[in-house]
Structure formats: C-alpha cells, structure tokens
Amino acid sequence: ARLRDAGARLVSDQRRPDGTGWVVLADPEGNEFCVERSDA
C-alpha cells in the first residue's frame, strides 16, 4: 500500500490464502520488483 501510494503500479498479485506469496509491482518507469513477507 505504501509503495502504491508512492507511485508503484500493481503488476501481479501472487498472495495466497495462507499468507504466503508476494506482490509484483512496477516502479514509475515500469521496472518490476517483488514485495515479499517481512521476517516477522
């Protein structure tokens, strides 16, 4: 949510019902990156 508010765009949501997974975002130039779960 913070990164989308900063200008990232959602590319692919790979979150699973059990809480695992990741989210693929793109920066303002379209470069893709993933957001993983925190250590906690």
PDB file of all heavy atoms in Angstrom:
ATOM      1  N   ALA A   1       0.833  -1.205   0.000  1.00  0.00           N
ATOM      2  CA  ALA A   1       0.000   0.000   0.000  1.00  0.00           C
ATOM      3  C   ALA A   1       0.866   1.254   0.000  1.00  0.00           C
ATOM      4  O   ALA A   1       0.593   2.216  -0.738  1.00  0.00           O
ATOM      5  CB  ALA A   1      -0.937  -0.017   1.205  1.00  0.00           C
ATOM      6  N   ARG A   2       1.918   1.267   0.820  1.00  0.00           N
ATOM      7  CA  ARG A   2       2.810   2.438   0.893  1.00  0.00           C
ATOM      8  C   ARG A   2       3.469   2.698  -0.458  1.00  0.00           C
ATOM      9  O   ARG A   2       3.529   3.844  -0.931  1.00  0.00           O
ATOM     10  CB  ARG A   2       3.888   2.204   1.961  1.00  0.00           C
ATOM     11  CG  ARG A   2       4.842   3.362   2.145  1.00  0.00           C
ATOM     12  CD  ARG A   2       5.880   3.047   3.217  1.00  0.00           C
ATOM     13  NE  ARG A   2       6.974   2.249   2.708  1.00  0.00           N
ATOM     14  CZ  ARG A   2       8.106   2.746   2.182  1.00  0.00           C
ATOM     15  NH1 ARG A   2       8.283   4.054   2.094  1.00  0.00           N
ATOM     16  NH2 ARG A   2       9.052   1.947   1.753  1.00  0.00           N
ATOM     17  N   LEU A   3       3.953   1.648  -1.104  1.00  0.00           N
ATOM     18  CA  LEU A   3       4.651   1.816  -2.375  1.00  0.00           C
ATOM     19  C   LEU A   3       3.696   2.198  -3.506  1.00  0.00           C
ATOM     20  O   LEU A   3       4.050   2.990  -4.377  1.00  0.00           O
ATOM     21  CB  LEU A   3       5.444   0.551  -2.709  1.00  0.00           C
ATOM     22  CG  LEU A   3       6.541   0.224  -1.694  1.00  0.00           C
ATOM     23  CD1 LEU A   3       7.220  -1.090  -2.033  1.00  0.00           C
ATOM     24  CD2 LEU A   3       7.535   1.351  -1.569  1.00  0.00           C
ATOM     25  N   ARG A   4       2.481   1.692  -3.469  1.00  0.00           N
ATOM     26  CA  ARG A   4       1.493   2.102  -4.470  1.00  0.00           C
ATOM     27  C   ARG A   4       1.142   3.573  -4.289  1.00  0.00           C
ATOM     28  O   ARG A   4       1.003   4.309  -5.266  1.00  0.00           O
ATOM     29  CB  ARG A   4       0.259   1.208  -4.413  1.00  0.00           C
ATOM     30  CG  ARG A   4       0.596  -0.214  -4.918  1.00  0.00           C
ATOM     31  CD  ARG A   4      -0.597  -1.070  -5.073  1.00  0.00           C
ATOM     32  NE  ARG A   4      -1.367  -0.636  -6.244  1.00  0.00           N
ATOM     33  CZ  ARG A   4      -2.553  -1.123  -6.549  1.00  0.00           C
ATOM     34  NH1 ARG A   4      -3.122  -2.032  -5.789  1.00  0.00           N
ATOM     35  NH2 ARG A   4      -3.185  -0.705  -7.615  1.00  0.00           N
ATOM     36  N   ASP A   5       1.034   4.013  -3.031  1.00  0.00           N
ATOM     37  CA  ASP A   5       0.784   5.433  -2.765  1.00  0.00           C
ATOM     38  C   ASP A   5       1.937   6.299  -3.266  1.00  0.00           C
ATOM     39  O   ASP A   5       1.738   7.459  -3.632  1.00  0.00           O
ATOM     40  CB  ASP A   5       0.587   5.689  -1.267  1.00  0.00           C
ATOM     41  CG  ASP A   5      -0.757   5.191  -0.759  1.00  0.00           C
ATOM     42  OD1 ASP A   5      -1.649   4.884  -1.587  1.00  0.00           O
ATOM     43  OD2 ASP A   5      -0.908   5.097   0.482  1.00  0.00           O
ATOM     44  N   ALA A   6       3.157   5.729  -3.294  1.00  0.00           N
ATOM     45  CA  ALA A   6       4.346   6.468  -3.738  1.00  0.00           C
ATOM     46  C   ALA A   6       4.510   6.460  -5.253  1.00  0.00           C
ATOM     47  O   ALA A   6       5.405   7.110  -5.781  1.00  0.00           O
ATOM     48  CB  ALA A   6       5.592   5.888  -3.081  1.00  0.00           C
ATOM     49  N   GLY A   7       3.670   5.699  -5.969  1.00  0.00           N
ATOM     50  CA  GLY A   7       3.746   5.707  -7.425  1.00  0.00           C
ATOM     51  C   GLY A   7       3.990   4.363  -8.077  1.00  0.00           C
ATOM     52  O   GLY A   7       4.048   4.273  -9.300  1.00  0.00           O
ATOM     53  N   ALA A   8       4.124   3.300  -7.287  1.00  0.00           N
ATOM     54  CA  ALA A   8       4.285   1.968  -7.878  1.00  0.00           C
ATOM     55  C   ALA A   8       2.941   1.501  -8.438  1.00  0.00           C
ATOM     56  O   ALA A   8       1.881   1.891  -7.962  1.00  0.00           O
ATOM     57  CB  ALA A   8       4.798   0.984  -6.831  1.00  0.00           C
ATOM     58  N   ARG A   9       3.021   0.643  -9.445  1.00  0.00           N
ATOM     59  CA  ARG A   9       1.828   0.095 -10.096  1.00  0.00           C
ATOM     60  C   ARG A   9       1.782  -1.414  -9.870  1.00  0.00           C
ATOM     61  O   ARG A   9       2.801  -2.095  -9.970  1.00  0.00           O
ATOM     62  CB  ARG A   9       1.899   0.406 -11.593  1.00  0.00           C
ATOM     63  CG  ARG A   9       0.767  -0.148 -12.431  1.00  0.00           C
ATOM     64  CD  ARG A   9       0.917   0.233 -13.900  1.00  0.00           C
ATOM     65  NE  ARG A   9       2.210  -0.076 -14.468  1.00  0.00           N
ATOM     66  CZ  ARG A   9       2.583  -1.278 -14.929  1.00  0.00           C
ATOM     67  NH1 ARG A   9       1.768  -2.297 -14.875  1.00  0.00           N
ATOM     68  NH2 ARG A   9       3.786  -1.440 -15.456  1.00  0.00           N
ATOM     69  N   LEU A  10       0.588  -1.945  -9.570  1.00  0.00           N
ATOM     70  CA  LEU A  10       0.418  -3.380  -9.385  1.00  0.00           C
ATOM     71  C   LEU A  10       0.553  -4.094 -10.725  1.00  0.00           C
ATOM     72  O   LEU A  10      -0.112  -3.727 -11.699  1.00  0.00           O
ATOM     73  CB  LEU A  10      -0.952  -3.674  -8.776  1.00  0.00           C
ATOM     74  CG  LEU A  10      -1.289  -5.149  -8.584  1.00  0.00           C
ATOM     75  CD1 LEU A  10      -0.362  -5.783  -7.540  1.00  0.00           C
ATOM     76  CD2 LEU A  10      -2.746  -5.312  -8.177  1.00  0.00           C
ATOM     77  N   VAL A  11       1.417  -5.107 -10.779  1.00  0.00           N
ATOM     78  CA  VAL A  11       1.597  -5.922 -11.981  1.00  0.00           C
ATOM     79  C   VAL A  11       0.931  -7.273 -11.796  1.00  0.00           C
ATOM     80  O   VAL A  11       0.191  -7.742 -12.652  1.00  0.00           O
ATOM     81  CB  VAL A  11       3.101  -6.105 -12.307  1.00  0.00           C
ATOM     82  CG1 VAL A  11       3.303  -7.071 -13.461  1.00  0.00           C
ATOM     83  CG2 VAL A  11       3.746  -4.763 -12.603  1.00  0.00           C
ATOM     84  N   SER A  12       1.189  -7.918 -10.653  1.00  0.00           N
ATOM     85  CA  SER A  12       0.663  -9.256 -10.410  1.00  0.00           C
ATOM     86  C   SER A  12       0.595  -9.516  -8.914  1.00  0.00           C
ATOM     87  O   SER A  12       1.573  -9.290  -8.195  1.00  0.00           O
ATOM     88  CB  SER A  12       1.576 -10.293 -11.080  1.00  0.00           C
ATOM     89  OG  SER A  12       1.170 -11.598 -10.771  1.00  0.00           O
ATOM     90  N   ASP A  13      -0.547  -9.999  -8.447  1.00  0.00           N
ATOM     91  CA  ASP A  13      -0.730 -10.300  -7.029  1.00  0.00           C
ATOM     92  C   ASP A  13      -0.607 -11.808  -6.842  1.00  0.00           C
ATOM     93  O   ASP A  13      -1.465 -12.563  -7.283  1.00  0.00           O
ATOM     94  CB  ASP A  13      -2.097  -9.802  -6.559  1.00  0.00           C
ATOM     95  CG  ASP A  13      -2.235  -9.826  -5.061  1.00  0.00           C
ATOM     96  OD1 ASP A  13      -1.556 -10.642  -4.399  1.00  0.00           O
ATOM     97  OD2 ASP A  13      -3.034  -9.037  -4.531  1.00  0.00           O
ATOM     98  N   GLN A  14       0.472 -12.230  -6.216  1.00  0.00           N
ATOM     99  CA  GLN A  14       0.747 -13.645  -6.002  1.00  0.00           C
ATOM    100  C   GLN A  14       0.546 -14.056  -4.535  1.00  0.00           C
ATOM    101  O   GLN A  14       1.085 -15.064  -4.091  1.00  0.00           O
ATOM    102  CB  GLN A  14       2.179 -13.964  -6.449  1.00  0.00           C
ATOM    103  CG  GLN A  14       2.445 -13.687  -7.914  1.00  0.00           C
ATOM    104  CD  GLN A  14       1.609 -14.567  -8.815  1.00  0.00           C
ATOM    105  OE1 GLN A  14       1.435 -15.751  -8.561  1.00  0.00           O
ATOM    106  NE2 GLN A  14       1.063 -13.984  -9.878  1.00  0.00           N
ATOM    107  N   ARG A  15      -0.223 -13.257  -3.779  1.00  0.00           N
ATOM    108  CA  ARG A  15      -0.512 -13.602  -2.385  1.00  0.00           C
ATOM    109  C   ARG A  15      -1.458 -14.795  -2.359  1.00  0.00           C
ATOM    110  O   ARG A  15      -2.381 -14.881  -3.168  1.00  0.00           O
ATOM    111  CB  ARG A  15      -1.128 -12.413  -1.649  1.00  0.00           C
ATOM    112  CG  ARG A  15      -0.127 -11.290  -1.433  1.00  0.00           C
ATOM    113  CD  ARG A  15      -0.755 -10.087  -0.794  1.00  0.00           C
ATOM    114  NE  ARG A  15      -1.406  -9.271  -1.838  1.00  0.00           N
ATOM    115  CZ  ARG A  15      -1.752  -8.010  -1.672  1.00  0.00           C
ATOM    116  NH1 ARG A  15      -1.552  -7.400  -0.525  1.00  0.00           N
ATOM    117  NH2 ARG A  15      -2.313  -7.353  -2.664  1.00  0.00           N
ATOM    118  N   ARG A  16      -1.213 -15.694  -1.397  1.00  0.00           N
ATOM    119  CA  ARG A  16      -2.031 -16.900  -1.253  1.00  0.00           C
ATOM    120  C   ARG A  16      -2.892 -16.798   0.005  1.00  0.00           C
ATOM    121  O   ARG A  16      -2.544 -16.064   0.936  1.00  0.00           O
ATOM    122  CB  ARG A  16      -1.113 -18.115  -1.176  1.00  0.00           C
ATOM    123  CG  ARG A  16      -0.274 -18.278  -2.425  1.00  0.00           C
ATOM    124  CD  ARG A  16       0.601 -19.513  -2.352  1.00  0.00           C
ATOM    125  NE  ARG A  16       1.560 -19.494  -3.428  1.00  0.00           N
ATOM    126  CZ  ARG A  16       2.872 -19.355  -3.264  1.00  0.00           C
ATOM    127  NH1 ARG A  16       3.393 -19.254  -2.057  1.00  0.00           N
ATOM    128  NH2 ARG A  16       3.672 -19.349  -4.309  1.00  0.00           N
ATOM    129  N   PRO A  17      -3.976 -17.554   0.065  1.00  0.00           N
ATOM    130  CA  PRO A  17      -4.855 -17.501   1.238  1.00  0.00           C
ATOM    131  C   PRO A  17      -4.152 -17.817   2.562  1.00  0.00           C
ATOM    132  O   PRO A  17      -4.540 -17.303   3.607  1.00  0.00           O
ATOM    133  CB  PRO A  17      -5.921 -18.553   0.935  1.00  0.00           C
ATOM    134  CG  PRO A  17      -5.959 -18.636  -0.557  1.00  0.00           C
ATOM    135  CD  PRO A  17      -4.535 -18.408  -1.002  1.00  0.00           C
ATOM    136  N   ASP A  18      -3.089 -18.625   2.526  1.00  0.00           N
ATOM    137  CA  ASP A  18      -2.381 -18.964   3.777  1.00  0.00           C
ATOM    138  C   ASP A  18      -1.402 -17.875   4.209  1.00  0.00           C
ATOM    139  O   ASP A  18      -0.683 -18.032   5.182  1.00  0.00           O
ATOM    140  CB  ASP A  18      -1.677 -20.308   3.657  1.00  0.00           C
ATOM    141  CG  ASP A  18      -0.517 -20.299   2.658  1.00  0.00           C
ATOM    142  OD1 ASP A  18      -0.278 -19.266   1.994  1.00  0.00           O
ATOM    143  OD2 ASP A  18       0.159 -21.347   2.537  1.00  0.00           O
ATOM    144  N   GLY A  19      -1.352 -16.745   3.489  1.00  0.00           N
ATOM    145  CA  GLY A  19      -0.476 -15.633   3.861  1.00  0.00           C
ATOM    146  C   GLY A  19       0.868 -15.637   3.165  1.00  0.00           C
ATOM    147  O   GLY A  19       1.616 -14.666   3.258  1.00  0.00           O
ATOM    148  N   THR A  20       1.220 -16.714   2.486  1.00  0.00           N
ATOM    149  CA  THR A  20       2.484 -16.751   1.761  1.00  0.00           C
ATOM    150  C   THR A  20       2.325 -16.002   0.446  1.00  0.00           C
ATOM    151  O   THR A  20       1.275 -15.458   0.139  1.00  0.00           O
ATOM    152  CB  THR A  20       2.941 -18.212   1.516  1.00  0.00           C
ATOM    153  OG1 THR A  20       1.940 -18.874   0.725  1.00  0.00           O
ATOM    154  CG2 THR A  20       3.145 -18.953   2.828  1.00  0.00           C
ATOM    155  N   GLY A  21       3.372 -15.999  -0.355  1.00  0.00           N
ATOM    156  CA  GLY A  21       3.324 -15.351  -1.658  1.00  0.00           C
ATOM    157  C   GLY A  21       3.963 -13.977  -1.654  1.00  0.00           C
ATOM    158  O   GLY A  21       4.594 -13.567  -0.678  1.00  0.00           O
ATOM    159  N   TRP A  22       3.799 -13.277  -2.733  1.00  0.00           N
ATOM    160  CA  TRP A  22       4.438 -11.989  -2.949  1.00  0.00           C
ATOM    161  C   TRP A  22       3.566 -11.151  -3.864  1.00  0.00           C
ATOM    162  O   TRP A  22       2.580 -11.621  -4.415  1.00  0.00           O
ATOM    163  CB  TRP A  22       5.825 -12.185  -3.555  1.00  0.00           C
ATOM    164  CG  TRP A  22       5.772 -12.845  -4.897  1.00  0.00           C
ATOM    165  CD1 TRP A  22       5.730 -12.223  -6.116  1.00  0.00           C
ATOM    166  CD2 TRP A  22       5.713 -14.248  -5.171  1.00  0.00           C
ATOM    167  NE1 TRP A  22       5.655 -13.150  -7.135  1.00  0.00           N
ATOM    168  CE2 TRP A  22       5.644 -14.412  -6.574  1.00  0.00           C
ATOM    169  CE3 TRP A  22       5.709 -15.387  -4.379  1.00  0.00           C
ATOM    170  CZ2 TRP A  22       5.570 -15.647  -7.186  1.00  0.00           C
ATOM    171  CZ3 TRP A  22       5.638 -16.626  -4.992  1.00  0.00           C
ATOM    172  CH2 TRP A  22       5.578 -16.743  -6.378  1.00  0.00           C
ATOM    173  N   VAL A  23       3.965  -9.892  -4.033  1.00  0.00           N
ATOM    174  CA  VAL A  23       3.267  -8.983  -4.933  1.00  0.00           C
ATOM    175  C   VAL A  23       4.289  -8.398  -5.889  1.00  0.00           C
ATOM    176  O   VAL A  23       5.358  -7.944  -5.467  1.00  0.00           O
ATOM    177  CB  VAL A  23       2.557  -7.851  -4.144  1.00  0.00           C
ATOM    178  CG1 VAL A  23       1.886  -6.869  -5.094  1.00  0.00           C
ATOM    179  CG2 VAL A  23       1.549  -8.433  -3.166  1.00  0.00           C
ATOM    180  N   VAL A  24       3.980  -8.431  -7.183  1.00  0.00           N
ATOM    181  CA  VAL A  24       4.839  -7.834  -8.200  1.00  0.00           C
ATOM    182  C   VAL A  24       4.322  -6.427  -8.476  1.00  0.00           C
ATOM    183  O   VAL A  24       3.158  -6.235  -8.819  1.00  0.00           O
ATOM    184  CB  VAL A  24       4.852  -8.655  -9.503  1.00  0.00           C
ATOM    185  CG1 VAL A  24       5.799  -8.031 -10.522  1.00  0.00           C
ATOM    186  CG2 VAL A  24       5.210 -10.112  -9.241  1.00  0.00           C
ATOM    187  N   LEU A  25       5.212  -5.456  -8.281  1.00  0.00           N
ATOM    188  CA  LEU A  25       4.907  -4.057  -8.574  1.00  0.00           C
ATOM    189  C   LEU A  25       5.837  -3.566  -9.673  1.00  0.00           C
ATOM    190  O   LEU A  25       6.849  -4.213  -9.969  1.00  0.00           O
ATOM    191  CB  LEU A  25       5.104  -3.196  -7.317  1.00  0.00           C
ATOM    192  CG  LEU A  25       4.231  -3.504  -6.112  1.00  0.00           C
ATOM    193  CD1 LEU A  25       4.619  -2.606  -4.928  1.00  0.00           C
ATOM    194  CD2 LEU A  25       2.760  -3.346  -6.433  1.00  0.00           C
ATOM    195  N   ALA A  26       5.531  -2.428 -10.234  1.00  0.00           N
ATOM    196  CA  ALA A  26       6.418  -1.757 -11.193  1.00  0.00           C
ATOM    197  C   ALA A  26       6.676  -0.352 -10.675  1.00  0.00           C
ATOM    198  O   ALA A  26       5.757   0.315 -10.182  1.00  0.00           O
ATOM    199  CB  ALA A  26       5.789  -1.702 -12.579  1.00  0.00           C
ATOM    200  N   ASP A  27       7.920   0.088 -10.771  1.00  0.00           N
ATOM    201  CA  ASP A  27       8.261   1.450 -10.366  1.00  0.00           C
ATOM    202  C   ASP A  27       7.728   2.429 -11.424  1.00  0.00           C
ATOM    203  O   ASP A  27       7.137   1.995 -12.428  1.00  0.00           O
ATOM    204  CB  ASP A  27       9.764   1.584 -10.103  1.00  0.00           C
ATOM    205  CG  ASP A  27      10.639   1.528 -11.345  1.00  0.00           C
ATOM    206  OD1 ASP A  27      10.142   1.672 -12.487  1.00  0.00           O
ATOM    207  OD2 ASP A  27      11.862   1.350 -11.182  1.00  0.00           O
ATOM    208  N   PRO A  28       7.886   3.724 -11.229  1.00  0.00           N
ATOM    209  CA  PRO A  28       7.329   4.687 -12.195  1.00  0.00           C
ATOM    210  C   PRO A  28       7.838   4.533 -13.631  1.00  0.00           C
ATOM    211  O   PRO A  28       7.195   5.012 -14.559  1.00  0.00           O
ATOM    212  CB  PRO A  28       7.726   6.045 -11.596  1.00  0.00           C
ATOM    213  CG  PRO A  28       7.763   5.792 -10.132  1.00  0.00           C
ATOM    214  CD  PRO A  28       8.352   4.409 -10.013  1.00  0.00           C
ATOM    215  N   GLU A  29       8.971   3.861 -13.831  1.00  0.00           N
ATOM    216  CA  GLU A  29       9.494   3.626 -15.184  1.00  0.00           C
ATOM    217  C   GLU A  29       9.071   2.266 -15.736  1.00  0.00           C
ATOM    218  O   GLU A  29       9.450   1.894 -16.831  1.00  0.00           O
ATOM    219  CB  GLU A  29      11.021   3.701 -15.164  1.00  0.00           C
ATOM    220  CG  GLU A  29      11.551   5.094 -15.057  1.00  0.00           C
ATOM    221  CD  GLU A  29      11.771   5.751 -16.415  1.00  0.00           C
ATOM    222  OE1 GLU A  29      11.860   5.059 -17.438  1.00  0.00           O
ATOM    223  OE2 GLU A  29      11.864   6.983 -16.432  1.00  0.00           O
ATOM    224  N   GLY A  30       8.327   1.481 -14.945  1.00  0.00           N
ATOM    225  CA  GLY A  30       7.875   0.173 -15.405  1.00  0.00           C
ATOM    226  C   GLY A  30       8.783  -0.978 -15.021  1.00  0.00           C
ATOM    227  O   GLY A  30       8.528  -2.124 -15.397  1.00  0.00           O
ATOM    228  N   ASN A  31       9.853  -0.716 -14.268  1.00  0.00           N
ATOM    229  CA  ASN A  31      10.752  -1.784 -13.826  1.00  0.00           C
ATOM    230  C   ASN A  31      10.070  -2.580 -12.726  1.00  0.00           C
ATOM    231  O   ASN A  31       9.643  -2.031 -11.710  1.00  0.00           O
ATOM    232  CB  ASN A  31      12.065  -1.198 -13.297  1.00  0.00           C
ATOM    233  CG  ASN A  31      12.773  -0.397 -14.351  1.00  0.00           C
ATOM    234  OD1 ASN A  31      13.141  -0.907 -15.397  1.00  0.00           O
ATOM    235  ND2 ASN A  31      12.935   0.892 -14.096  1.00  0.00           N
ATOM    236  N   GLU A  32       9.961  -3.893 -12.931  1.00  0.00           N
ATOM    237  CA  GLU A  32       9.235  -4.735 -11.997  1.00  0.00           C
ATOM    238  C   GLU A  32      10.099  -5.123 -10.794  1.00  0.00           C
ATOM    239  O   GLU A  32      11.305  -5.296 -10.922  1.00  0.00           O
ATOM    240  CB  GLU A  32       8.754  -5.986 -12.723  1.00  0.00           C
ATOM    241  CG  GLU A  32       7.751  -5.647 -13.815  1.00  0.00           C
ATOM    242  CD  GLU A  32       7.510  -6.783 -14.778  1.00  0.00           C
ATOM    243  OE1 GLU A  32       7.904  -7.929 -14.484  1.00  0.00           O
ATOM    244  OE2 GLU A  32       6.928  -6.516 -15.835  1.00  0.00           O
ATOM    245  N   PHE A  33       9.438  -5.252  -9.645  1.00  0.00           N
ATOM    246  CA  PHE A  33      10.082  -5.728  -8.432  1.00  0.00           C
ATOM    247  C   PHE A  33       9.032  -6.414  -7.581  1.00  0.00           C
ATOM    248  O   PHE A  33       7.832  -6.195  -7.761  1.00  0.00           O
ATOM    249  CB  PHE A  33      10.774  -4.595  -7.672  1.00  0.00           C
ATOM    250  CG  PHE A  33       9.867  -3.511  -7.158  1.00  0.00           C
ATOM    251  CD1 PHE A  33       9.482  -3.487  -5.822  1.00  0.00           C
ATOM    252  CD2 PHE A  33       9.412  -2.504  -7.995  1.00  0.00           C
ATOM    253  CE1 PHE A  33       8.651  -2.483  -5.339  1.00  0.00           C
ATOM    254  CE2 PHE A  33       8.592  -1.486  -7.526  1.00  0.00           C
ATOM    255  CZ  PHE A  33       8.203  -1.481  -6.191  1.00  0.00           C
ATOM    256  N   CYS A  34       9.477  -7.278  -6.682  1.00  0.00           N
ATOM    257  CA  CYS A  34       8.555  -8.035  -5.842  1.00  0.00           C
ATOM    258  C   CYS A  34       8.637  -7.559  -4.400  1.00  0.00           C
ATOM    259  O   CYS A  34       9.699  -7.185  -3.918  1.00  0.00           O
ATOM    260  CB  CYS A  34       8.888  -9.521  -5.878  1.00  0.00           C
ATOM    261  SG  CYS A  34       8.637 -10.272  -7.501  1.00  0.00           S
ATOM    262  N   VAL A  35       7.499  -7.605  -3.719  1.00  0.00           N
ATOM    263  CA  VAL A  35       7.434  -7.317  -2.294  1.00  0.00           C
ATOM    264  C   VAL A  35       7.119  -8.638  -1.599  1.00  0.00           C
ATOM    265  O   VAL A  35       6.078  -9.258  -1.862  1.00  0.00           O
ATOM    266  CB  VAL A  35       6.367  -6.258  -1.960  1.00  0.00           C
ATOM    267  CG1 VAL A  35       6.358  -5.961  -0.460  1.00  0.00           C
ATOM    268  CG2 VAL A  35       6.601  -4.987  -2.764  1.00  0.00           C
ATOM    269  N   GLU A  36       8.041  -9.065  -0.750  1.00  0.00           N
ATOM    270  CA  GLU A  36       7.899 -10.315  -0.016  1.00  0.00           C
ATOM    271  C   GLU A  36       7.355 -10.062   1.382  1.00  0.00           C
ATOM    272  O   GLU A  36       7.234  -8.917   1.808  1.00  0.00           O
ATOM    273  CB  GLU A  36       9.268 -10.995   0.104  1.00  0.00           C
ATOM    274  CG  GLU A  36       9.893 -11.323  -1.219  1.00  0.00           C
ATOM    275  CD  GLU A  36      11.278 -11.935  -1.068  1.00  0.00           C
ATOM    276  OE1 GLU A  36      11.845 -11.896   0.048  1.00  0.00           O
ATOM    277  OE2 GLU A  36      11.783 -12.455  -2.068  1.00  0.00           O
ATOM    278  N   ARG A  37       7.083 -11.139   2.111  1.00  0.00           N
ATOM    279  CA  ARG A  37       6.661 -11.024   3.515  1.00  0.00           C
ATOM    280  C   ARG A  37       7.841 -10.583   4.370  1.00  0.00           C
ATOM    281  O   ARG A  37       8.988 -10.884   4.084  1.00  0.00           O
ATOM    282  CB  ARG A  37       6.171 -12.375   4.052  1.00  0.00           C
ATOM    283  CG  ARG A  37       4.925 -12.886   3.392  1.00  0.00           C
ATOM    284  CD  ARG A  37       4.436 -14.169   4.012  1.00  0.00           C
ATOM    285  NE  ARG A  37       5.439 -15.226   3.909  1.00  0.00           N
ATOM    286  CZ  ARG A  37       5.471 -16.305   4.683  1.00  0.00           C
ATOM    287  NH1 ARG A  37       4.576 -16.481   5.627  1.00  0.00           N
ATOM    288  NH2 ARG A  37       6.401 -17.218   4.518  1.00  0.00           N
ATOM    289  N   SER A  38       7.525  -9.887   5.462  1.00  0.00           N
ATOM    290  CA  SER A  38       8.555  -9.469   6.416  1.00  0.00           C
ATOM    291  C   SER A  38       9.047 -10.675   7.205  1.00  0.00           C
ATOM    292  O   SER A  38       8.410 -11.740   7.209  1.00  0.00           O
ATOM    293  CB  SER A  38       7.982  -8.430   7.385  1.00  0.00           C
ATOM    294  OG  SER A  38       7.002  -9.041   8.222  1.00  0.00           O
ATOM    295  N   ASP A  39      10.175 -10.524   7.886  1.00  0.00           N
ATOM    296  CA  ASP A  39      10.677 -11.603   8.743  1.00  0.00           C
ATOM    297  C   ASP A  39       9.666 -11.955   9.824  1.00  0.00           C
ATOM    298  O   ASP A  39       9.478 -13.134  10.144  1.00  0.00           O
ATOM    299  CB  ASP A  39      12.017 -11.208   9.381  1.00  0.00           C
ATOM    300  CG  ASP A  39      13.162 -11.244   8.379  1.00  0.00           C
ATOM    301  OD1 ASP A  39      13.032 -11.900   7.321  1.00  0.00           O
ATOM    302  OD2 ASP A  39      14.200 -10.609   8.665  1.00  0.00           O
ATOM    303  N   ALA A  40       9.013 -10.950  10.399  1.00  0.00           N
ATOM    304  CA  ALA A  40       8.011 -11.203  11.442  1.00  0.00           C
ATOM    305  C   ALA A  40       6.861 -12.043  10.890  1.00  0.00           C
ATOM    306  O   ALA A  40       6.383 -12.963  11.565  1.00  0.00           O
ATOM    307  CB  ALA A  40       7.497  -9.885  12.006  1.00  0.00           C
TER     308      ALA A  40
END
